[in-house]
């Protein structure tokens, strides 16, 4: 199965298969009631924070309230399934992220793959993951960290938000890129993992920038390098992995987000939401809040842009998971 091809076929079929009159009618009448924006994680995480930063502006441009509906657990699977089975009328949308591209490769034998069925509406943006270490660890930069790990193969331990989560796969990508060996300690969420890192139960982990930033600022953890293609505005001296001489091409996007709709949502409705999303994200106050709070680089574009990027991510992760021998719970 060619993931990129399948995602693009779904988008093309959806756009071309709807009668023009129906699409126009749907656009004229939509929306006429509040819209549910589903987030597949508990309140307080990066995706939830992002949703609560954009829902008011999005609602302003759509002329209706957009409210957040948190459906946490299962690495996002319950949320994807919920939206995939919702009425295809534009009143239930998903704020999707990395896990949508990772989990299909992790659960290849699962009969239902709702993340694959969802329609791309619009790209939102990207943000880095960051490798953080306990202050007691002697490594001051990524080169010293890699050298230390190579000197004592298998002795290093790292935590994550759970098996198969982006924070684990970030470290597995680092292992594949450098040849280091490390023992994985999975937690049930990034919050519990951060608590034990701060307590010295293990020395290092990857975290979403928005989660790690307060602890970096107070010196409770030390940041070594960022995924993605550029530095953050608030920590301009912190390099990316590529700049530090340890490129991680599988993590070029870092963390990413996009809005998705149920299958068969009319093209006119998707176009209306895409337009409102783009208008929301170009507002300077929204962009400033996202940059300061989450270090998100806003990116807007057509549904086809999100479809293309999502297809590339779907292609990317099964190979990483296979090479790293990641096993789901």
Protein backbone atom coordinates (compact mmCIF):
# COMPACT_ATOMS: atom_id res chain seq x y z
CA UNK A 1 0.00 0.00 0.00
CA UNK A 2 1.35 3.38 -1.00
CA UNK A 3 0.34 5.73 1.79
CA UNK A 4 1.13 8.92 -0.15
CA UNK A 5 -0.84 7.73 -3.17
CA UNK A 6 -3.81 6.61 -1.09
CA UNK A 7 -4.04 9.92 0.80
CA UNK A 8 -3.87 11.96 -2.39
CA UNK A 9 -6.42 9.71 -4.14
CA UNK A 10 -8.86 10.24 -1.27
CA UNK A 11 -8.43 14.01 -1.50
CA UNK A 12 -8.75 14.08 -5.32
CA UNK A 13 -11.83 11.87 -5.29
CA UNK A 14 -13.45 14.02 -2.63
CA UNK A 15 -12.78 17.30 -4.46
CA UNK A 16 -13.79 16.13 -7.93
CA UNK A 17 -16.70 13.86 -7.02
CA UNK A 18 -19.10 16.37 -5.49
CA UNK A 19 -21.67 18.13 -7.68
CA UNK A 20 -20.92 21.84 -7.90
CA UNK A 21 -24.47 22.86 -6.96
CA UNK A 22 -24.39 20.86 -3.74
CA UNK A 23 -20.98 22.27 -2.78
CA UNK A 24 -22.21 25.84 -3.32
CA UNK A 25 -25.38 25.22 -1.31
CA UNK A 26 -23.45 23.72 1.56
CA UNK A 27 -21.12 26.71 1.58
CA UNK A 28 -23.98 29.22 1.60
CA UNK A 29 -25.76 27.51 4.51
CA UNK A 30 -22.69 26.60 6.53
CA UNK A 31 -22.28 27.14 9.42
CA UNK A 32 -25.56 27.78 11.20
CA UNK A 33 -24.75 26.22 14.59
CA UNK A 34 -21.71 25.74 16.88
CA UNK A 35 -18.78 23.64 15.66
CA UNK A 36 -16.97 20.97 17.67
CA UNK A 37 -13.15 20.92 17.37
CA UNK A 38 -12.02 17.56 18.72
CA UNK A 39 -8.62 17.25 20.43
CA UNK A 40 -7.32 13.74 21.00
CA UNK A 41 -5.51 14.55 24.23
CA UNK A 42 -6.30 15.72 27.74
CA UNK A 43 -6.43 19.42 28.62
CA UNK A 44 -3.09 21.12 29.19
CA UNK A 45 -1.01 19.49 26.45
CA UNK A 46 0.38 21.25 23.40
CA UNK A 47 -2.47 20.23 21.07
CA UNK A 48 -5.11 21.30 23.59
CA UNK A 49 -3.36 24.63 24.19
CA UNK A 50 -3.14 25.19 20.43
CA UNK A 51 -6.84 24.44 19.99
CA UNK A 52 -7.74 26.96 22.67
CA UNK A 53 -5.54 29.56 21.01
CA UNK A 54 -7.20 29.29 17.60
CA UNK A 55 -10.83 28.32 18.28
CA UNK A 56 -12.03 31.84 19.12
CA UNK A 57 -10.45 33.41 16.03
CA UNK A 58 -11.72 30.54 13.88
CA UNK A 59 -15.21 31.01 15.28
CA UNK A 60 -15.06 34.73 14.56
CA UNK A 61 -14.40 34.12 10.86
CA UNK A 62 -17.02 31.35 10.65
CA UNK A 63 -19.61 33.36 12.55
CA UNK A 64 -20.31 30.55 15.01
CA UNK A 65 -18.83 29.32 18.28
CA UNK A 66 -16.05 26.77 17.90
CA UNK A 67 -15.63 24.80 21.10
CA UNK A 68 -12.98 22.27 22.16
CA UNK A 69 -13.97 18.67 22.86
CA UNK A 70 -11.14 16.70 24.53
CA UNK A 71 -11.23 12.97 23.82
CA UNK A 72 -7.95 11.81 25.34
CA UNK A 73 -6.38 8.37 25.54
CA UNK A 74 -5.19 5.78 23.06
CA UNK A 75 -2.60 8.11 21.50
CA UNK A 76 -5.43 9.91 19.75
CA UNK A 77 -7.21 6.84 18.30
CA UNK A 78 -10.60 7.42 20.04
CA UNK A 79 -10.66 11.00 18.76
CA UNK A 80 -9.87 10.00 15.18
CA UNK A 81 -12.51 7.26 15.28
CA UNK A 82 -15.06 9.67 16.68
CA UNK A 83 -14.48 12.25 13.94
CA UNK A 84 -14.24 9.63 11.17
CA UNK A 85 -17.71 8.38 12.15
CA UNK A 86 -19.25 11.81 12.74
CA UNK A 87 -21.77 13.38 10.37
CA UNK A 88 -19.97 14.74 7.31
CA UNK A 89 -21.46 18.20 7.65
CA UNK A 90 -18.54 20.30 8.93
CA UNK A 91 -19.81 20.56 12.50
CA UNK A 92 -17.27 18.07 13.86
CA UNK A 93 -13.61 18.68 13.05
CA UNK A 94 -10.32 17.29 14.36
CA UNK A 95 -7.17 19.12 15.36
CA UNK A 96 -4.75 16.39 14.30
CA UNK A 97 -1.01 16.00 14.86
CA UNK A 98 1.99 13.65 14.56
CA UNK A 99 0.36 10.58 16.07
CA UNK A 100 -2.04 10.37 13.12
CA UNK A 101 0.91 9.47 10.89
CA UNK A 102 2.71 7.29 13.44
CA UNK A 103 -0.02 5.00 14.75
CA UNK A 104 -1.04 3.40 11.42
CA UNK A 105 2.52 2.08 11.11
CA UNK A 106 2.56 0.94 14.71
CA UNK A 107 -0.79 -0.88 14.52
CA UNK A 108 -0.55 -2.25 11.00
CA UNK A 109 -2.88 -5.20 11.73
CA UNK A 110 -5.68 -3.09 13.21
CA UNK A 111 -8.73 -3.54 11.00
CA UNK A 112 -9.88 0.06 11.43
CA UNK A 113 -7.53 2.92 10.54
CA UNK A 114 -9.70 6.02 11.03
CA UNK A 115 -6.75 8.40 10.76
CA UNK A 116 -6.33 7.37 7.12
CA UNK A 117 -9.98 8.08 6.35
CA UNK A 118 -10.07 11.69 7.51
CA UNK A 119 -10.13 14.53 4.99
CA UNK A 120 -7.38 17.18 5.16
CA UNK A 121 -8.77 20.69 5.64
CA UNK A 122 -5.77 22.91 6.36
CA UNK A 123 -2.26 22.95 7.77
CA UNK A 124 -1.78 24.87 11.02
CA UNK A 125 1.94 24.84 11.77
CA UNK A 126 4.99 23.17 13.22
CA UNK A 127 6.95 23.30 16.46
CA UNK A 128 10.08 21.54 17.69
CA UNK A 129 10.61 18.70 20.06
CA UNK A 130 13.58 19.24 22.37
CA UNK A 131 16.04 16.83 23.95
CA UNK A 132 16.27 17.72 27.63
CA UNK A 133 18.50 16.30 30.35
CA UNK A 134 18.62 16.43 34.13
CA UNK A 135 21.08 19.12 35.33
CA UNK A 136 23.23 16.46 37.01
CA UNK A 137 24.09 14.96 33.63
CA UNK A 138 27.52 16.23 32.62
CA UNK A 139 26.81 16.54 28.89
CA UNK A 140 26.50 20.23 27.99
CA UNK A 141 25.63 19.78 24.31
CA UNK A 142 24.45 17.08 21.92
CA UNK A 143 27.97 16.11 20.84
CA UNK A 144 29.01 15.46 24.44
CA UNK A 145 25.74 13.59 25.03
CA UNK A 146 26.33 11.25 22.09
CA UNK A 147 29.96 10.68 23.07
CA UNK A 148 28.91 9.85 26.64
CA UNK A 149 26.27 7.37 25.44
CA UNK A 150 28.66 5.70 22.99
CA UNK A 151 31.27 5.29 25.71
CA UNK A 152 28.88 3.19 27.84
CA UNK A 153 26.59 1.26 25.46
CA UNK A 154 23.22 0.39 26.95
CA UNK A 155 23.74 2.18 30.25
CA UNK A 156 21.73 5.28 29.33
CA UNK A 157 18.03 5.40 30.16
CA UNK A 158 15.44 7.71 28.61
CA UNK A 159 11.79 8.36 29.37
CA UNK A 160 8.86 9.04 27.09
CA UNK A 161 5.12 9.65 27.12
CA UNK A 162 4.57 6.00 26.16
CA UNK A 163 5.36 3.27 23.66
CA UNK A 164 5.00 4.50 20.10
CA UNK A 165 4.48 8.14 21.05
CA UNK A 166 6.36 10.87 19.19
CA UNK A 167 8.58 11.45 22.22
CA UNK A 168 9.77 7.85 22.09
CA UNK A 169 10.21 7.87 18.33
CA UNK A 170 12.28 11.05 18.51
CA UNK A 171 14.79 9.21 20.68
CA UNK A 172 14.66 6.13 18.46
CA UNK A 173 15.47 8.33 15.47
CA UNK A 174 18.43 9.73 17.45
CA UNK A 175 19.60 6.19 18.23
CA UNK A 176 19.41 5.19 14.57
CA UNK A 177 21.27 8.34 13.49
CA UNK A 178 24.12 8.03 16.00
CA UNK A 179 24.41 4.35 16.90
CA UNK A 180 23.91 4.96 20.60
CA UNK A 181 22.14 2.38 22.76
CA UNK A 182 19.66 3.34 25.48
CA UNK A 183 16.96 1.75 27.60
CA UNK A 184 13.43 3.04 27.15
CA UNK A 185 11.23 3.82 30.17
CA UNK A 186 7.65 4.40 28.94
CA UNK A 187 5.14 6.39 30.98
CA UNK A 188 1.43 6.95 30.60
CA UNK A 189 1.79 10.52 29.42
CA UNK A 190 4.39 13.24 29.15
CA UNK A 191 3.43 14.77 32.50
CA UNK A 192 4.38 11.74 34.63
CA UNK A 193 7.56 11.29 32.61
CA UNK A 194 8.56 14.91 33.25
CA UNK A 195 7.94 14.49 36.98
CA UNK A 196 10.36 11.56 37.15
CA UNK A 197 12.95 13.32 34.99
CA UNK A 198 12.87 16.28 37.37
CA UNK A 199 13.21 13.83 40.26
CA UNK A 200 16.30 12.22 38.72
CA UNK A 201 14.69 8.81 38.06
CA UNK A 202 16.21 8.87 34.57
CA UNK A 203 18.48 11.44 32.91
CA UNK A 204 16.96 12.44 29.58
CA UNK A 205 13.94 12.56 27.29
CA UNK A 206 12.41 14.34 24.33
CA UNK A 207 9.51 16.66 25.07
CA UNK A 208 7.27 19.06 23.23
CA UNK A 209 8.77 22.53 23.42
CA UNK A 210 5.70 23.98 25.12
CA UNK A 211 5.96 21.35 27.87
CA UNK A 212 9.71 21.67 28.42
CA UNK A 213 10.08 25.44 28.10
CA UNK A 214 9.13 26.43 31.71
CA UNK A 215 11.61 23.93 33.13
CA UNK A 216 14.35 25.07 30.77
CA UNK A 217 13.76 28.68 31.79
CA UNK A 218 14.06 27.84 35.50
CA UNK A 219 17.12 25.60 35.05
CA UNK A 220 15.35 22.47 36.24
CA UNK A 221 16.35 20.76 32.99
CA UNK A 222 19.00 21.53 30.36
CA UNK A 223 18.09 21.67 26.67
CA UNK A 224 20.61 20.19 24.23
CA UNK A 225 19.07 20.49 20.76
CA UNK A 226 15.83 20.97 18.82
CA UNK A 227 14.18 18.96 16.09
CA UNK A 228 12.92 20.80 13.04
CA UNK A 229 14.61 23.23 10.70
CA UNK A 230 15.09 26.38 12.74
CA UNK A 231 15.76 27.74 16.22
CA UNK A 232 13.17 29.22 18.54
CA UNK A 233 12.83 32.97 18.96
CA UNK A 234 12.95 32.80 22.76
CA UNK A 235 16.08 30.59 22.95
CA UNK A 236 18.14 31.71 19.93
CA UNK A 237 21.34 30.07 21.23
CA UNK A 238 19.81 26.59 21.31
CA UNK A 239 20.76 24.81 18.06
CA UNK A 240 18.81 22.38 15.95
CA UNK A 241 20.22 18.87 15.68
CA UNK A 242 21.37 19.59 12.14
CA UNK A 243 23.20 22.73 13.22
CA UNK A 244 24.84 20.77 16.04
CA UNK A 245 26.17 18.17 13.61
CA UNK A 246 23.63 15.42 14.37
CA UNK A 247 20.99 15.72 11.63
CA UNK A 248 17.68 13.91 12.18
CA UNK A 249 16.02 14.05 8.75
CA UNK A 250 13.03 12.02 9.94
CA UNK A 251 12.21 14.83 12.35
CA UNK A 252 12.47 17.77 9.94
CA UNK A 253 8.88 18.76 10.63
CA UNK A 254 9.21 18.23 14.35
CA UNK A 255 5.74 18.50 15.83
CA UNK A 256 2.99 19.40 13.36
CA UNK A 257 -0.74 20.09 13.37
CA UNK A 258 -3.57 20.24 10.87
CA UNK A 259 -7.36 20.34 10.81
CA UNK A 260 -9.22 17.32 9.43
CA UNK A 261 -12.88 16.55 8.68
CA UNK A 262 -14.97 13.37 8.43
CA UNK A 263 -14.92 11.45 5.14
CA UNK A 264 -17.34 12.74 2.46
CA UNK A 265 -17.54 16.23 3.96
CA UNK A 266 -18.68 18.48 1.06
CA UNK A 267 -15.95 20.33 -0.76
CA UNK A 268 -17.67 23.67 -0.20
CA UNK A 269 -17.64 23.16 3.56
CA UNK A 270 -13.96 22.16 3.55
CA UNK A 271 -13.14 25.24 1.49
CA UNK A 272 -15.07 27.46 3.91
CA UNK A 273 -13.24 26.07 6.96
CA UNK A 274 -9.90 26.27 5.18
CA UNK A 275 -10.50 29.94 4.35
CA UNK A 276 -11.52 30.74 7.95
CA UNK A 277 -8.53 28.84 9.33
CA UNK A 278 -6.11 30.71 7.08
CA UNK A 279 -7.67 34.06 8.01
CA UNK A 280 -7.44 33.15 11.70
CA UNK A 281 -3.80 32.14 11.55
CA UNK A 282 -2.60 35.25 9.72
CA UNK A 283 -3.84 37.49 12.54
CA UNK A 284 -0.75 38.97 14.16
CA UNK A 285 -2.01 38.50 17.72
CA UNK A 286 -2.71 34.81 17.06
CA UNK A 287 0.68 34.24 15.44
CA UNK A 288 2.42 36.05 18.31
CA UNK A 289 0.64 34.01 20.97
CA UNK A 290 1.44 30.74 19.20
CA UNK A 291 5.09 31.70 18.77
CA UNK A 292 5.55 32.79 22.38
CA UNK A 293 3.58 30.07 24.12
CA UNK A 294 4.20 27.04 21.89
CA UNK A 295 7.01 28.15 19.55
CA UNK A 296 4.71 27.29 16.66
CA UNK A 297 5.63 28.44 13.18
CA UNK A 298 2.28 29.06 11.53
CA UNK A 299 1.80 27.63 8.04
CA UNK A 300 -1.36 27.95 6.00
CA UNK A 301 -2.31 26.49 2.66
CA UNK A 302 -4.80 24.43 0.71
CA UNK A 303 -6.17 21.05 1.76
CA UNK A 304 -3.84 19.59 -0.87
CA UNK A 305 -0.80 20.93 1.01
CA UNK A 306 -1.87 19.17 4.21
CA UNK A 307 -2.72 16.02 2.24
CA UNK A 308 0.75 15.96 0.66
CA UNK A 309 2.56 16.49 3.96
CA UNK A 310 0.39 13.98 5.76
CA UNK A 311 1.00 11.40 3.03
CA UNK A 312 4.77 11.95 3.33
CA UNK A 313 4.56 11.43 7.11
CA UNK A 314 2.51 8.25 6.62
CA UNK A 315 5.26 6.98 4.31
CA UNK A 316 8.02 7.91 6.74
CA UNK A 317 7.13 6.26 10.03
CA UNK A 318 6.59 2.55 9.27
CA UNK A 319 10.24 2.25 8.25
CA UNK A 320 11.45 4.04 11.38
CA UNK A 321 9.22 1.86 13.57
CA UNK A 322 10.47 -1.30 11.86
CA UNK A 323 14.16 -0.37 12.08
CA UNK A 324 13.82 0.71 15.71
CA UNK A 325 11.76 -2.39 16.56
CA UNK A 326 9.18 -0.34 18.41
CA UNK A 327 6.39 -2.50 19.83
CA UNK A 328 3.01 -1.06 20.78
CA UNK A 329 1.39 -1.78 24.15
